[in-house]
Amino acid sequence: MTSPHLEKRFGSIAVEKGFITIDQLTRAMNIQILENVEKKNHRLIGEILLDLGFITRPQIDQVVKSLVKNPY
């Protein structure tokens, strides 16, 4: 059973808006998982995408605004 609030995540919205590709999202997610396994500080996907140069701050802001408008 899927929670309704988990259906739209940051990465999904960023892909839908054309800000990033699925490959870029997958790369960022793999980094996030690896860092979590290595017990490093947890970073949000947006932060990782920004550090990789795949997304800009204004694009992050647009995605976050979409999440706030439609949290579920």
C-alpha atoms as a PDB file:
ATOM      1  CA  MET A   1       0.000   0.000   0.000  1.00  0.00           C
ATOM      2  CA  THR A   2       1.402   3.396  -0.978  1.00  0.00           C
ATOM      3  CA  SER A   3       0.965   6.477   1.162  1.00  0.00           C
ATOM      4  CA  PRO A   4      -0.632   9.264  -0.857  1.00  0.00           C
ATOM      5  CA  HIS A   5       1.942  11.801   0.328  1.00  0.00           C
ATOM      6  CA  LEU A   6       4.769   9.724  -1.120  1.00  0.00           C
ATOM      7  CA  GLU A   7       3.391   9.615  -4.661  1.00  0.00           C
ATOM      8  CA  LYS A   8       4.974  12.926  -5.702  1.00  0.00           C
ATOM      9  CA  ARG A   9       8.535  13.320  -4.552  1.00  0.00           C
ATOM     10  CA  PHE A  10      11.089  16.020  -5.291  1.00  0.00           C
ATOM     11  CA  GLY A  11      12.857  13.982  -7.958  1.00  0.00           C
ATOM     12  CA  SER A  12       9.675  13.002  -9.762  1.00  0.00           C
ATOM     13  CA  ILE A  13       8.524  16.598  -9.993  1.00  0.00           C
ATOM     14  CA  ALA A  14      11.960  17.761 -11.161  1.00  0.00           C
ATOM     15  CA  VAL A  15      11.853  15.167 -13.957  1.00  0.00           C
ATOM     16  CA  GLU A  16       8.257  16.082 -14.899  1.00  0.00           C
ATOM     17  CA  LYS A  17       9.258  19.752 -15.144  1.00  0.00           C
ATOM     18  CA  GLY A  18      12.173  18.815 -17.422  1.00  0.00           C
ATOM     19  CA  PHE A  19      14.803  20.139 -15.013  1.00  0.00           C
ATOM     20  CA  ILE A  20      16.633  16.798 -14.801  1.00  0.00           C
ATOM     21  CA  THR A  21      16.639  13.436 -16.549  1.00  0.00           C
ATOM     22  CA  ILE A  22      15.763  10.099 -15.020  1.00  0.00           C
ATOM     23  CA  ASP A  23      19.439   9.128 -15.347  1.00  0.00           C
ATOM     24  CA  GLN A  24      20.481  12.204 -13.361  1.00  0.00           C
ATOM     25  CA  LEU A  25      17.891  11.428 -10.681  1.00  0.00           C
ATOM     26  CA  THR A  26      19.070   7.822 -10.509  1.00  0.00           C
ATOM     27  CA  ARG A  27      22.678   8.954 -10.111  1.00  0.00           C
ATOM     28  CA  ALA A  28      21.710  11.312  -7.280  1.00  0.00           C
ATOM     29  CA  MET A  29      19.655   8.598  -5.569  1.00  0.00           C
ATOM     30  CA  ASN A  30      22.560   6.158  -5.789  1.00  0.00           C
ATOM     31  CA  ILE A  31      24.840   8.736  -4.178  1.00  0.00           C
ATOM     32  CA  GLN A  32      22.267   9.348  -1.441  1.00  0.00           C
ATOM     33  CA  ILE A  33      21.966   5.619  -0.710  1.00  0.00           C
ATOM     34  CA  LEU A  34      25.739   5.122  -0.686  1.00  0.00           C
ATOM     35  CA  GLU A  35      26.236   8.053   1.686  1.00  0.00           C
ATOM     36  CA  ASN A  36      23.535   6.682   3.996  1.00  0.00           C
ATOM     37  CA  VAL A  37      25.140   3.215   4.016  1.00  0.00           C
ATOM     38  CA  GLU A  38      28.515   4.808   4.757  1.00  0.00           C
ATOM     39  CA  LYS A  39      26.869   6.653   7.692  1.00  0.00           C
ATOM     40  CA  LYS A  40      27.604  10.064   6.216  1.00  0.00           C
ATOM     41  CA  ASN A  41      25.282  13.006   6.819  1.00  0.00           C
ATOM     42  CA  HIS A  42      21.989  12.523   5.013  1.00  0.00           C
ATOM     43  CA  ARG A  43      21.622  14.931   2.090  1.00  0.00           C
ATOM     44  CA  LEU A  44      18.424  15.703   0.285  1.00  0.00           C
ATOM     45  CA  ILE A  45      18.151  14.768  -3.381  1.00  0.00           C
ATOM     46  CA  GLY A  46      17.921  18.433  -4.361  1.00  0.00           C
ATOM     47  CA  GLU A  47      21.186  19.184  -2.596  1.00  0.00           C
ATOM     48  CA  ILE A  48      22.940  16.310  -4.347  1.00  0.00           C
ATOM     49  CA  LEU A  49      21.537  17.342  -7.743  1.00  0.00           C
ATOM     50  CA  LEU A  50      22.706  20.913  -7.125  1.00  0.00           C
ATOM     51  CA  ASP A  51      26.204  19.755  -6.120  1.00  0.00           C
ATOM     52  CA  LEU A  52      26.401  17.664  -9.295  1.00  0.00           C
ATOM     53  CA  GLY A  53      25.415  20.693 -11.369  1.00  0.00           C
ATOM     54  CA  PHE A  54      22.238  19.026 -12.657  1.00  0.00           C
ATOM     55  CA  ILE A  55      19.774  21.571 -11.229  1.00  0.00           C
ATOM     56  CA  THR A  56      19.809  25.243 -10.249  1.00  0.00           C
ATOM     57  CA  ARG A  57      18.591  26.943  -7.070  1.00  0.00           C
ATOM     58  CA  PRO A  58      15.687  28.632  -8.896  1.00  0.00           C
ATOM     59  CA  GLN A  59      14.646  25.218 -10.257  1.00  0.00           C
ATOM     60  CA  ILE A  60      14.807  23.746  -6.748  1.00  0.00           C
ATOM     61  CA  ASP A  61      12.593  26.584  -5.541  1.00  0.00           C
ATOM     62  CA  GLN A  62      10.049  25.812  -8.270  1.00  0.00           C
ATOM     63  CA  VAL A  63       9.960  22.126  -7.331  1.00  0.00           C
ATOM     64  CA  VAL A  64       9.553  22.943  -3.630  1.00  0.00           C
ATOM     65  CA  LYS A  65       6.702  25.341  -4.446  1.00  0.00           C
ATOM     66  CA  SER A  66       5.002  22.525  -6.328  1.00  0.00           C
ATOM     67  CA  LEU A  67       5.410  20.237  -3.318  1.00  0.00           C
ATOM     68  CA  VAL A  68       3.956  22.845  -0.973  1.00  0.00           C
ATOM     69  CA  LYS A  69       0.967  23.516  -3.267  1.00  0.00           C
ATOM     70  CA  ASN A  70       0.214  19.812  -3.656  1.00  0.00           C
ATOM     71  CA  PRO A  71       1.665  18.015  -0.640  1.00  0.00           C
ATOM     72  CA  TYR A  72      -0.515  14.947  -1.300  1.00  0.00           C
END
